[in-house]
Amino acid sequence: MGKVAIENIETGMILASDVHDRSGRMLLGAGAELTQKHLVIFRTWGVVEADIEGLGSEESMELIPADVDPLELAAAEQELAPLFRHTNRAHPAIIELMRISALRKVRHDPV
């Protein structure tokens, strides 16, 4: 089992644990095979990650899209760090916001 960011989840993957929205309401139970409709619902209700069967922790949140160079992503994160200096960088929402910002920067600001 491993937590995977919604952007990296594909249809056909199997949930290892229940998925809940931000208020704690269960959206989908463990063992369900994910469809495109499920992913849309997760995004709509603010779910940023899900626990997927068959993935170890080393494979989970650190997944980087194939079109992104890890070195460019790290450089983008360093460049964006001053913008997040007054935030709790350990908070899951800030971590996700930083990750999305860095991915966007890499994809839209070619060197």
PDB file of N, CA and C in Angstrom:
ATOM      1  N   MET A   1       0.839  -1.181   0.000  1.00  0.00           N
ATOM      2  CA  MET A   1       0.000   0.000   0.000  1.00  0.00           C
ATOM      3  C   MET A   1       0.881   1.239   0.000  1.00  0.00           C
ATOM      4  N   GLY A   2       0.403   2.281  -0.679  1.00  0.00           N
ATOM      5  CA  GLY A   2       1.124   3.532  -0.694  1.00  0.00           C
ATOM      6  C   GLY A   2       0.217   4.674  -1.091  1.00  0.00           C
ATOM      7  N   LYS A   3       0.435   5.815  -0.467  1.00  0.00           N
ATOM      8  CA  LYS A   3      -0.336   7.009  -0.797  1.00  0.00           C
ATOM      9  C   LYS A   3       0.141   7.542  -2.142  1.00  0.00           C
ATOM     10  N   VAL A   4      -0.814   7.840  -3.007  1.00  0.00           N
ATOM     11  CA  VAL A   4      -0.501   8.324  -4.342  1.00  0.00           C
ATOM     12  C   VAL A   4      -1.300   9.594  -4.587  1.00  0.00           C
ATOM     13  N   ALA A   5      -0.644  10.623  -5.117  1.00  0.00           N
ATOM     14  CA  ALA A   5      -1.324  11.868  -5.452  1.00  0.00           C
ATOM     15  C   ALA A   5      -2.364  11.599  -6.538  1.00  0.00           C
ATOM     16  N   ILE A   6      -3.483  12.304  -6.474  1.00  0.00           N
ATOM     17  CA  ILE A   6      -4.585  12.104  -7.413  1.00  0.00           C
ATOM     18  C   ILE A   6      -4.112  12.221  -8.860  1.00  0.00           C
ATOM     19  N   GLU A   7      -3.194  13.127  -9.145  1.00  0.00           N
ATOM     20  CA  GLU A   7      -2.709  13.301 -10.517  1.00  0.00           C
ATOM     21  C   GLU A   7      -2.017  12.057 -11.049  1.00  0.00           C
ATOM     22  N   ASN A   8      -1.514  11.221 -10.148  1.00  0.00           N
ATOM     23  CA  ASN A   8      -0.763  10.028 -10.548  1.00  0.00           C
ATOM     24  C   ASN A   8      -1.590   8.744 -10.508  1.00  0.00           C
ATOM     25  N   ILE A   9      -2.842   8.850 -10.083  1.00  0.00           N
ATOM     26  CA  ILE A   9      -3.700   7.672 -10.018  1.00  0.00           C
ATOM     27  C   ILE A   9      -4.303   7.404 -11.389  1.00  0.00           C
ATOM     28  N   GLU A  10      -4.356   6.145 -11.754  1.00  0.00           N
ATOM     29  CA  GLU A  10      -4.908   5.751 -13.044  1.00  0.00           C
ATOM     30  C   GLU A  10      -6.134   4.876 -12.829  1.00  0.00           C
ATOM     31  N   THR A  11      -7.025   4.878 -13.812  1.00  0.00           N
ATOM     32  CA  THR A  11      -8.188   4.005 -13.735  1.00  0.00           C
ATOM     33  C   THR A  11      -7.706   2.557 -13.687  1.00  0.00           C
ATOM     34  N   GLY A  12      -8.441   1.732 -12.969  1.00  0.00           N
ATOM     35  CA  GLY A  12      -8.074   0.336 -12.831  1.00  0.00           C
ATOM     36  C   GLY A  12      -7.290   0.022 -11.573  1.00  0.00           C
ATOM     37  N   MET A  13      -6.720   1.060 -10.929  1.00  0.00           N
ATOM     38  CA  MET A  13      -6.011   0.833  -9.666  1.00  0.00           C
ATOM     39  C   MET A  13      -7.034   0.461  -8.595  1.00  0.00           C
ATOM     40  N   ILE A  14      -6.580  -0.248  -7.567  1.00  0.00           N
ATOM     41  CA  ILE A  14      -7.450  -0.719  -6.491  1.00  0.00           C
ATOM     42  C   ILE A  14      -7.127   0.037  -5.199  1.00  0.00           C
ATOM     43  N   LEU A  15      -8.174   0.522  -4.522  1.00  0.00           N
ATOM     44  CA  LEU A  15      -7.983   1.225  -3.253  1.00  0.00           C
ATOM     45  C   LEU A  15      -7.591   0.259  -2.147  1.00  0.00           C
ATOM     46  N   ALA A  16      -6.574   0.619  -1.377  1.00  0.00           N
ATOM     47  CA  ALA A  16      -6.154  -0.196  -0.246  1.00  0.00           C
ATOM     48  C   ALA A  16      -6.902   0.200   1.023  1.00  0.00           C
ATOM     49  N   SER A  17      -7.417   1.421   1.060  1.00  0.00           N
ATOM     50  CA  SER A  17      -8.195   1.867   2.215  1.00  0.00           C
ATOM     51  C   SER A  17      -9.286   2.816   1.734  1.00  0.00           C
ATOM     52  N   ASP A  18     -10.259   3.066   2.614  1.00  0.00           N
ATOM     53  CA  ASP A  18     -11.369   3.955   2.274  1.00  0.00           C
ATOM     54  C   ASP A  18     -10.865   5.350   1.935  1.00  0.00           C
ATOM     55  N   VAL A  19     -11.585   6.032   1.048  1.00  0.00           N
ATOM     56  CA  VAL A  19     -11.275   7.418   0.699  1.00  0.00           C
ATOM     57  C   VAL A  19     -12.361   8.295   1.309  1.00  0.00           C
ATOM     58  N   HIS A  20     -11.910   9.322   2.044  1.00  0.00           N
ATOM     59  CA  HIS A  20     -12.819  10.243   2.711  1.00  0.00           C
ATOM     60  C   HIS A  20     -12.591  11.656   2.189  1.00  0.00           C
ATOM     61  N   ASP A  21     -13.649  12.476   2.200  1.00  0.00           N
ATOM     62  CA  ASP A  21     -13.470  13.879   1.816  1.00  0.00           C
ATOM     63  C   ASP A  21     -12.908  14.643   3.010  1.00  0.00           C
ATOM     64  N   ARG A  22     -12.734  15.961   2.855  1.00  0.00           N
ATOM     65  CA  ARG A  22     -12.123  16.765   3.907  1.00  0.00           C
ATOM     66  C   ARG A  22     -12.913  16.769   5.207  1.00  0.00           C
ATOM     67  N   SER A  23     -14.214  16.561   5.128  1.00  0.00           N
ATOM     68  CA  SER A  23     -15.036  16.562   6.342  1.00  0.00           C
ATOM     69  C   SER A  23     -15.149  15.171   6.961  1.00  0.00           C
ATOM     70  N   GLY A  24     -14.542  14.164   6.358  1.00  0.00           N
ATOM     71  CA  GLY A  24     -14.546  12.826   6.911  1.00  0.00           C
ATOM     72  C   GLY A  24     -15.593  11.890   6.325  1.00  0.00           C
ATOM     73  N   ARG A  25     -16.406  12.393   5.406  1.00  0.00           N
ATOM     74  CA  ARG A  25     -17.433  11.556   4.779  1.00  0.00           C
ATOM     75  C   ARG A  25     -16.762  10.563   3.827  1.00  0.00           C
ATOM     76  N   MET A  26     -17.150   9.289   3.931  1.00  0.00           N
ATOM     77  CA  MET A  26     -16.558   8.281   3.059  1.00  0.00           C
ATOM     78  C   MET A  26     -17.100   8.431   1.634  1.00  0.00           C
ATOM     79  N   LEU A  27     -16.177   8.491   0.678  1.00  0.00           N
ATOM     80  CA  LEU A  27     -16.552   8.605  -0.726  1.00  0.00           C
ATOM     81  C   LEU A  27     -16.521   7.260  -1.438  1.00  0.00           C
ATOM     82  N   LEU A  28     -15.553   6.413  -1.092  1.00  0.00           N
ATOM     83  CA  LEU A  28     -15.411   5.121  -1.749  1.00  0.00           C
ATOM     84  C   LEU A  28     -14.665   4.174  -0.816  1.00  0.00           C
ATOM     85  N   GLY A  29     -15.120   2.940  -0.757  1.00  0.00           N
ATOM     86  CA  GLY A  29     -14.543   1.967   0.157  1.00  0.00           C
ATOM     87  C   GLY A  29     -13.313   1.257  -0.385  1.00  0.00           C
ATOM     88  N   ALA A  30     -12.550   0.705   0.537  1.00  0.00           N
ATOM     89  CA  ALA A  30     -11.355  -0.072   0.194  1.00  0.00           C
ATOM     90  C   ALA A  30     -11.746  -1.249  -0.699  1.00  0.00           C
ATOM     91  N   GLY A  31     -10.859  -1.586  -1.615  1.00  0.00           N
ATOM     92  CA  GLY A  31     -11.095  -2.710  -2.515  1.00  0.00           C
ATOM     93  C   GLY A  31     -11.768  -2.329  -3.817  1.00  0.00           C
ATOM     94  N   ALA A  32     -12.195  -1.083  -3.926  1.00  0.00           N
ATOM     95  CA  ALA A  32     -12.874  -0.645  -5.150  1.00  0.00           C
ATOM     96  C   ALA A  32     -11.861  -0.414  -6.266  1.00  0.00           C
ATOM     97  N   GLU A  33     -12.252  -0.800  -7.471  1.00  0.00           N
ATOM     98  CA  GLU A  33     -11.427  -0.521  -8.648  1.00  0.00           C
ATOM     99  C   GLU A  33     -11.805   0.867  -9.153  1.00  0.00           C
ATOM    100  N   LEU A  34     -10.809   1.725  -9.319  1.00  0.00           N
ATOM    101  CA  LEU A  34     -11.072   3.119  -9.666  1.00  0.00           C
ATOM    102  C   LEU A  34     -11.437   3.304 -11.135  1.00  0.00           C
ATOM    103  N   THR A  35     -12.410   4.168 -11.357  1.00  0.00           N
ATOM    104  CA  THR A  35     -12.828   4.551 -12.703  1.00  0.00           C
ATOM    105  C   THR A  35     -12.583   6.047 -12.866  1.00  0.00           C
ATOM    106  N   GLN A  36     -12.737   6.535 -14.073  1.00  0.00           N
ATOM    107  CA  GLN A  36     -12.575   7.964 -14.322  1.00  0.00           C
ATOM    108  C   GLN A  36     -13.589   8.764 -13.501  1.00  0.00           C
ATOM    109  N   LYS A  37     -14.781   8.249 -13.354  1.00  0.00           N
ATOM    110  CA  LYS A  37     -15.825   8.927 -12.563  1.00  0.00           C
ATOM    111  C   LYS A  37     -15.368   9.099 -11.111  1.00  0.00           C
ATOM    112  N   HIS A  38     -14.743   8.072 -10.538  1.00  0.00           N
ATOM    113  CA  HIS A  38     -14.243   8.170  -9.169  1.00  0.00           C
ATOM    114  C   HIS A  38     -13.211   9.284  -9.050  1.00  0.00           C
ATOM    115  N   LEU A  39     -12.305   9.369 -10.017  1.00  0.00           N
ATOM    116  CA  LEU A  39     -11.258  10.389  -9.962  1.00  0.00           C
ATOM    117  C   LEU A  39     -11.855  11.789 -10.036  1.00  0.00           C
ATOM    118  N   VAL A  40     -12.887  11.975 -10.853  1.00  0.00           N
ATOM    119  CA  VAL A  40     -13.566  13.272 -10.943  1.00  0.00           C
ATOM    120  C   VAL A  40     -14.212  13.612  -9.603  1.00  0.00           C
ATOM    121  N   ILE A  41     -14.855  12.637  -8.992  1.00  0.00           N
ATOM    122  CA  ILE A  41     -15.492  12.857  -7.686  1.00  0.00           C
ATOM    123  C   ILE A  41     -14.447  13.206  -6.632  1.00  0.00           C
ATOM    124  N   PHE A  42     -13.322  12.515  -6.626  1.00  0.00           N
ATOM    125  CA  PHE A  42     -12.264  12.818  -5.660  1.00  0.00           C
ATOM    126  C   PHE A  42     -11.794  14.261  -5.814  1.00  0.00           C
ATOM    127  N   ARG A  43     -11.544  14.676  -7.046  1.00  0.00           N
ATOM    128  CA  ARG A  43     -11.088  16.055  -7.270  1.00  0.00           C
ATOM    129  C   ARG A  43     -12.158  17.056  -6.829  1.00  0.00           C
ATOM    130  N   THR A  44     -13.415  16.763  -7.128  1.00  0.00           N
ATOM    131  CA  THR A  44     -14.516  17.649  -6.768  1.00  0.00           C
ATOM    132  C   THR A  44     -14.595  17.843  -5.253  1.00  0.00           C
ATOM    133  N   TRP A  45     -14.366  16.786  -4.497  1.00  0.00           N
ATOM    134  CA  TRP A  45     -14.480  16.845  -3.044  1.00  0.00           C
ATOM    135  C   TRP A  45     -13.151  17.137  -2.346  1.00  0.00           C
ATOM    136  N   GLY A  46     -12.128  17.507  -3.086  1.00  0.00           N
ATOM    137  CA  GLY A  46     -10.875  17.956  -2.481  1.00  0.00           C
ATOM    138  C   GLY A  46      -9.945  16.862  -2.001  1.00  0.00           C
ATOM    139  N   VAL A  47     -10.115  15.646  -2.505  1.00  0.00           N
ATOM    140  CA  VAL A  47      -9.209  14.559  -2.137  1.00  0.00           C
ATOM    141  C   VAL A  47      -7.910  14.752  -2.919  1.00  0.00           C
ATOM    142  N   VAL A  48      -6.772  14.757  -2.225  1.00  0.00           N
ATOM    143  CA  VAL A  48      -5.493  14.990  -2.895  1.00  0.00           C
ATOM    144  C   VAL A  48      -4.662  13.725  -3.058  1.00  0.00           C
ATOM    145  N   GLU A  49      -5.027  12.660  -2.316  1.00  0.00           N
ATOM    146  CA  GLU A  49      -4.277  11.414  -2.417  1.00  0.00           C
ATOM    147  C   GLU A  49      -5.162  10.245  -2.018  1.00  0.00           C
ATOM    148  N   ALA A  50      -4.736   9.060  -2.404  1.00  0.00           N
ATOM    149  CA  ALA A  50      -5.455   7.845  -2.034  1.00  0.00           C
ATOM    150  C   ALA A  50      -4.441   6.735  -1.795  1.00  0.00           C
ATOM    151  N   ASP A  51      -4.816   5.794  -0.946  1.00  0.00           N
ATOM    152  CA  ASP A  51      -3.973   4.652  -0.628  1.00  0.00           C
ATOM    153  C   ASP A  51      -4.258   3.556  -1.651  1.00  0.00           C
ATOM    154  N   ILE A  52      -3.249   3.211  -2.444  1.00  0.00           N
ATOM    155  CA  ILE A  52      -3.417   2.276  -3.557  1.00  0.00           C
ATOM    156  C   ILE A  52      -2.734   0.951  -3.239  1.00  0.00           C
ATOM    157  N   GLU A  53      -3.438  -0.156  -3.518  1.00  0.00           N
ATOM    158  CA  GLU A  53      -2.876  -1.489  -3.295  1.00  0.00           C
ATOM    159  C   GLU A  53      -1.692  -1.737  -4.211  1.00  0.00           C
ATOM    160  N   GLY A  54      -0.712  -2.451  -3.673  1.00  0.00           N
ATOM    161  CA  GLY A  54       0.404  -2.895  -4.494  1.00  0.00           C
ATOM    162  C   GLY A  54       1.548  -1.911  -4.620  1.00  0.00           C
ATOM    163  N   LEU A  55       1.419  -0.732  -4.034  1.00  0.00           N
ATOM    164  CA  LEU A  55       2.511   0.235  -4.098  1.00  0.00           C
ATOM    165  C   LEU A  55       3.175   0.347  -2.745  1.00  0.00           C
ATOM    166  N   GLY A  56       4.501   0.331  -2.742  1.00  0.00           N
ATOM    167  CA  GLY A  56       5.247   0.543  -1.511  1.00  0.00           C
ATOM    168  C   GLY A  56       5.409   2.028  -1.263  1.00  0.00           C
ATOM    169  N   SER A  57       5.849   2.390  -0.091  1.00  0.00           N
ATOM    170  CA  SER A  57       5.981   3.801   0.258  1.00  0.00           C
ATOM    171  C   SER A  57       6.981   4.522  -0.643  1.00  0.00           C
ATOM    172  N   GLU A  58       8.019   3.813  -1.117  1.00  0.00           N
ATOM    173  CA  GLU A  58       9.004   4.457  -1.994  1.00  0.00           C
ATOM    174  C   GLU A  58       8.425   4.781  -3.363  1.00  0.00           C
ATOM    175  N   GLU A  59       7.336   4.147  -3.740  1.00  0.00           N
ATOM    176  CA  GLU A  59       6.720   4.365  -5.040  1.00  0.00           C
ATOM    177  C   GLU A  59       5.552   5.337  -4.985  1.00  0.00           C
ATOM    178  N   SER A  60       5.162   5.760  -3.818  1.00  0.00           N
ATOM    179  CA  SER A  60       3.889   6.449  -3.668  1.00  0.00           C
ATOM    180  C   SER A  60       3.941   7.934  -3.992  1.00  0.00           C
ATOM    181  N   MET A  61       4.008   8.809  -2.988  1.00  0.00           N
ATOM    182  CA  MET A  61       3.868  10.246  -3.192  1.00  0.00           C
ATOM    183  C   MET A  61       4.989  10.830  -4.058  1.00  0.00           C
ATOM    184  N   GLU A  62       6.109  10.141  -4.150  1.00  0.00           N
ATOM    185  CA  GLU A  62       7.233  10.690  -4.880  1.00  0.00           C
ATOM    186  C   GLU A  62       7.152  10.445  -6.384  1.00  0.00           C
ATOM    187  N   LEU A  63       6.052   9.910  -6.873  1.00  0.00           N
ATOM    188  CA  LEU A  63       5.913   9.695  -8.304  1.00  0.00           C
ATOM    189  C   LEU A  63       5.991  11.029  -9.039  1.00  0.00           C
ATOM    190  N   ILE A  64       6.829  11.056 -10.035  1.00  0.00           N
ATOM    191  CA  ILE A  64       6.988  12.257 -10.850  1.00  0.00           C
ATOM    192  C   ILE A  64       6.514  11.903 -12.246  1.00  0.00           C
ATOM    193  N   PRO A  65       5.679  12.742 -12.851  1.00  0.00           N
ATOM    194  CA  PRO A  65       5.215  12.451 -14.207  1.00  0.00           C
ATOM    195  C   PRO A  65       6.392  12.233 -15.158  1.00  0.00           C
ATOM    196  N   ALA A  66       6.195  11.380 -16.137  1.00  0.00           N
ATOM    197  CA  ALA A  66       7.266  10.994 -17.056  1.00  0.00           C
ATOM    198  C   ALA A  66       7.843  12.168 -17.838  1.00  0.00           C
ATOM    199  N   ASP A  67       7.042  13.210 -18.080  1.00  0.00           N
ATOM    200  CA  ASP A  67       7.514  14.337 -18.876  1.00  0.00           C
ATOM    201  C   ASP A  67       8.259  15.387 -18.048  1.00  0.00           C
ATOM    202  N   VAL A  68       8.518  15.105 -16.766  1.00  0.00           N
ATOM    203  CA  VAL A  68       9.186  16.066 -15.887  1.00  0.00           C
ATOM    204  C   VAL A  68      10.540  15.529 -15.452  1.00  0.00           C
ATOM    205  N   ASP A  69      11.579  16.340 -15.654  1.00  0.00           N
ATOM    206  CA  ASP A  69      12.927  15.989 -15.224  1.00  0.00           C
ATOM    207  C   ASP A  69      13.033  16.253 -13.716  1.00  0.00           C
ATOM    208  N   PRO A  70      13.420  15.248 -12.920  1.00  0.00           N
ATOM    209  CA  PRO A  70      13.509  15.429 -11.463  1.00  0.00           C
ATOM    210  C   PRO A  70      14.440  16.570 -11.048  1.00  0.00           C
ATOM    211  N   LEU A  71      15.512  16.790 -11.809  1.00  0.00           N
ATOM    212  CA  LEU A  71      16.424  17.889 -11.482  1.00  0.00           C
ATOM    213  C   LEU A  71      15.761  19.248 -11.711  1.00  0.00           C
ATOM    214  N   GLU A  72      14.986  19.367 -12.785  1.00  0.00           N
ATOM    215  CA  GLU A  72      14.260  20.605 -13.043  1.00  0.00           C
ATOM    216  C   GLU A  72      13.202  20.837 -11.972  1.00  0.00           C
ATOM    217  N   LEU A  73      12.551  19.757 -11.525  1.00  0.00           N
ATOM    218  CA  LEU A  73      11.536  19.870 -10.483  1.00  0.00           C
ATOM    219  C   LEU A  73      12.165  20.355  -9.175  1.00  0.00           C
ATOM    220  N   ALA A  74      13.307  19.807  -8.816  1.00  0.00           N
ATOM    221  CA  ALA A  74      14.004  20.223  -7.595  1.00  0.00           C
ATOM    222  C   ALA A  74      14.425  21.693  -7.689  1.00  0.00           C
ATOM    223  N   ALA A  75      14.902  22.117  -8.857  1.00  0.00           N
ATOM    224  CA  ALA A  75      15.285  23.514  -9.049  1.00  0.00           C
ATOM    225  C   ALA A  75      14.073  24.439  -8.930  1.00  0.00           C
ATOM    226  N   ALA A  76      12.955  24.020  -9.487  1.00  0.00           N
ATOM    227  CA  ALA A  76      11.728  24.817  -9.399  1.00  0.00           C
ATOM    228  C   ALA A  76      11.270  24.935  -7.950  1.00  0.00           C
ATOM    229  N   GLU A  77      11.366  23.846  -7.191  1.00  0.00           N
ATOM    230  CA  GLU A  77      10.984  23.889  -5.774  1.00  0.00           C
ATOM    231  C   GLU A  77      11.872  24.861  -5.008  1.00  0.00           C
ATOM    232  N   GLN A  78      13.164  24.861  -5.295  1.00  0.00           N
ATOM    233  CA  GLN A  78      14.088  25.800  -4.638  1.00  0.00           C
ATOM    234  C   GLN A  78      13.742  27.244  -4.994  1.00  0.00           C
ATOM    235  N   GLU A  79      13.401  27.469  -6.238  1.00  0.00           N
ATOM    236  CA  GLU A  79      13.057  28.813  -6.695  1.00  0.00           C
ATOM    237  C   GLU A  79      11.758  29.309  -6.065  1.00  0.00           C
ATOM    238  N   LEU A  80      10.820  28.392  -5.811  1.00  0.00           N
ATOM    239  CA  LEU A  80       9.530  28.752  -5.228  1.00  0.00           C
ATOM    240  C   LEU A  80       9.568  28.843  -3.705  1.00  0.00           C
ATOM    241  N   ALA A  81      10.571  28.289  -3.073  1.00  0.00           N
ATOM    242  CA  ALA A  81      10.640  28.231  -1.612  1.00  0.00           C
ATOM    243  C   ALA A  81      10.419  29.586  -0.927  1.00  0.00           C
ATOM    244  N   PRO A  82      10.983  30.693  -1.431  1.00  0.00           N
ATOM    245  CA  PRO A  82      10.733  31.971  -0.756  1.00  0.00           C
ATOM    246  C   PRO A  82       9.253  32.378  -0.722  1.00  0.00           C
ATOM    247  N   LEU A  83       8.483  31.930  -1.681  1.00  0.00           N
ATOM    248  CA  LEU A  83       7.060  32.262  -1.697  1.00  0.00           C
ATOM    249  C   LEU A  83       6.293  31.548  -0.591  1.00  0.00           C
ATOM    250  N   PHE A  84       6.862  30.468  -0.068  1.00  0.00           N
ATOM    251  CA  PHE A  84       6.214  29.666   0.969  1.00  0.00           C
ATOM    252  C   PHE A  84       6.881  29.848   2.334  1.00  0.00           C
ATOM    253  N   ARG A  85       7.703  30.876   2.489  1.00  0.00           N
ATOM    254  CA  ARG A  85       8.497  31.032   3.708  1.00  0.00           C
ATOM    255  C   ARG A  85       7.660  31.282   4.966  1.00  0.00           C
ATOM    256  N   HIS A  86       6.465  31.824   4.828  1.00  0.00           N
ATOM    257  CA  HIS A  86       5.622  32.107   5.994  1.00  0.00           C
ATOM    258  C   HIS A  86       4.546  31.054   6.210  1.00  0.00           C
ATOM    259  N   THR A  87       4.738  29.878   5.657  1.00  0.00           N
ATOM    260  CA  THR A  87       3.755  28.805   5.788  1.00  0.00           C
ATOM    261  C   THR A  87       4.358  27.649   6.578  1.00  0.00           C
ATOM    262  N   ASN A  88       3.498  26.747   6.994  1.00  0.00           N
ATOM    263  CA  ASN A  88       3.947  25.522   7.647  1.00  0.00           C
ATOM    264  C   ASN A  88       4.262  24.525   6.544  1.00  0.00           C
ATOM    265  N   ARG A  89       5.523  24.404   6.195  1.00  0.00           N
ATOM    266  CA  ARG A  89       5.934  23.569   5.059  1.00  0.00           C
ATOM    267  C   ARG A  89       5.723  22.084   5.315  1.00  0.00           C
ATOM    268  N   ALA A  90       5.350  21.694   6.542  1.00  0.00           N
ATOM    269  CA  ALA A  90       5.088  20.290   6.847  1.00  0.00           C
ATOM    270  C   ALA A  90       3.603  19.950   6.716  1.00  0.00           C
ATOM    271  N   HIS A  91       2.764  20.954   6.515  1.00  0.00           N
ATOM    272  CA  HIS A  91       1.319  20.718   6.400  1.00  0.00           C
ATOM    273  C   HIS A  91       1.022  20.063   5.049  1.00  0.00           C
ATOM    274  N   PRO A  92       0.172  19.019   5.030  1.00  0.00           N
ATOM    275  CA  PRO A  92      -0.112  18.307   3.777  1.00  0.00           C
ATOM    276  C   PRO A  92      -0.631  19.206   2.648  1.00  0.00           C
ATOM    277  N   ALA A  93      -1.447  20.190   2.982  1.00  0.00           N
ATOM    278  CA  ALA A  93      -1.973  21.089   1.943  1.00  0.00           C
ATOM    279  C   ALA A  93      -0.859  21.934   1.337  1.00  0.00           C
ATOM    280  N   ILE A  94       0.057  22.402   2.168  1.00  0.00           N
ATOM    281  CA  ILE A  94       1.176  23.216   1.677  1.00  0.00           C
ATOM    282  C   ILE A  94       2.129  22.347   0.861  1.00  0.00           C
ATOM    283  N   ILE A  95       2.360  21.124   1.302  1.00  0.00           N
ATOM    284  CA  ILE A  95       3.216  20.204   0.545  1.00  0.00           C
ATOM    285  C   ILE A  95       2.638  19.988  -0.854  1.00  0.00           C
ATOM    286  N   GLU A  96       1.330  19.742  -0.921  1.00  0.00           N
ATOM    287  CA  GLU A  96       0.679  19.516  -2.211  1.00  0.00           C
ATOM    288  C   GLU A  96       0.693  20.777  -3.071  1.00  0.00           C
ATOM    289  N   LEU A  97       0.441  21.926  -2.465  1.00  0.00           N
ATOM    290  CA  LEU A  97       0.469  23.189  -3.203  1.00  0.00           C
ATOM    291  C   LEU A  97       1.863  23.458  -3.763  1.00  0.00           C
ATOM    292  N   MET A  98       2.867  23.193  -2.967  1.00  0.00           N
ATOM    293  CA  MET A  98       4.256  23.375  -3.416  1.00  0.00           C
ATOM    294  C   MET A  98       4.567  22.428  -4.576  1.00  0.00           C
ATOM    295  N   ARG A  99       4.121  21.184  -4.466  1.00  0.00           N
ATOM    296  CA  ARG A  99       4.376  20.195  -5.523  1.00  0.00           C
ATOM    297  C   ARG A  99       3.699  20.602  -6.824  1.00  0.00           C
ATOM    298  N   ILE A 100       2.441  21.009  -6.728  1.00  0.00           N
ATOM    299  CA  ILE A 100       1.702  21.425  -7.927  1.00  0.00           C
ATOM    300  C   ILE A 100       2.340  22.669  -8.542  1.00  0.00           C
ATOM    301  N   SER A 101       2.745  23.617  -7.701  1.00  0.00           N
ATOM    302  CA  SER A 101       3.382  24.842  -8.191  1.00  0.00           C
ATOM    303  C   SER A 101       4.683  24.533  -8.921  1.00  0.00           C
ATOM    304  N   ALA A 102       5.477  23.643  -8.351  1.00  0.00           N
ATOM    305  CA  ALA A 102       6.749  23.278  -8.981  1.00  0.00           C
ATOM    306  C   ALA A 102       6.510  22.559 -10.307  1.00  0.00           C
ATOM    307  N   LEU A 103       5.541  21.648 -10.344  1.00  0.00           N
ATOM    308  CA  LEU A 103       5.226  20.955 -11.597  1.00  0.00           C
ATOM    309  C   LEU A 103       4.788  21.949 -12.663  1.00  0.00           C
ATOM    310  N   ARG A 104       3.937  22.892 -12.272  1.00  0.00           N
ATOM    311  CA  ARG A 104       3.472  23.905 -13.234  1.00  0.00           C
ATOM    312  C   ARG A 104       4.626  24.752 -13.746  1.00  0.00           C
ATOM    313  N   LYS A 105       5.509  25.122 -12.843  1.00  0.00           N
ATOM    314  CA  LYS A 105       6.655  25.943 -13.232  1.00  0.00           C
ATOM    315  C   LYS A 105       7.536  25.200 -14.230  1.00  0.00           C
ATOM    316  N   VAL A 106       7.787  23.932 -13.973  1.00  0.00           N
ATOM    317  CA  VAL A 106       8.631  23.139 -14.877  1.00  0.00           C
ATOM    318  C   VAL A 106       7.973  23.022 -16.253  1.00  0.00           C
ATOM    319  N   ARG A 107       6.675  22.771 -16.256  1.00  0.00           N
ATOM    320  CA  ARG A 107       5.975  22.558 -17.532  1.00  0.00           C
ATOM    321  C   ARG A 107       5.730  23.841 -18.312  1.00  0.00           C
ATOM    322  N   HIS A 108       5.614  24.986 -17.632  1.00  0.00           N
ATOM    323  CA  HIS A 108       5.249  26.218 -18.327  1.00  0.00           C
ATOM    324  C   HIS A 108       6.395  27.230 -18.438  1.00  0.00           C
ATOM    325  N   ASP A 109       7.498  27.007 -17.759  1.00  0.00           N
ATOM    326  CA  ASP A 109       8.650  27.905 -17.834  1.00  0.00           C
ATOM    327  C   ASP A 109       9.871  27.141 -18.331  1.00  0.00           C
ATOM    328  N   PRO A 110       9.882  26.745 -19.606  1.00  0.00           N
ATOM    329  CA  PRO A 110      11.036  25.978 -20.096  1.00  0.00           C
ATOM    330  C   PRO A 110      12.320  26.790 -20.001  1.00  0.00           C
ATOM    331  N   VAL A 111      13.390  26.094 -19.704  1.00  0.00           N
ATOM    332  CA  VAL A 111      14.687  26.756 -19.536  1.00  0.00           C
ATOM    333  C   VAL A 111      15.324  27.037 -20.869  1.00  0.00           C
TER     334      VAL A 111
END
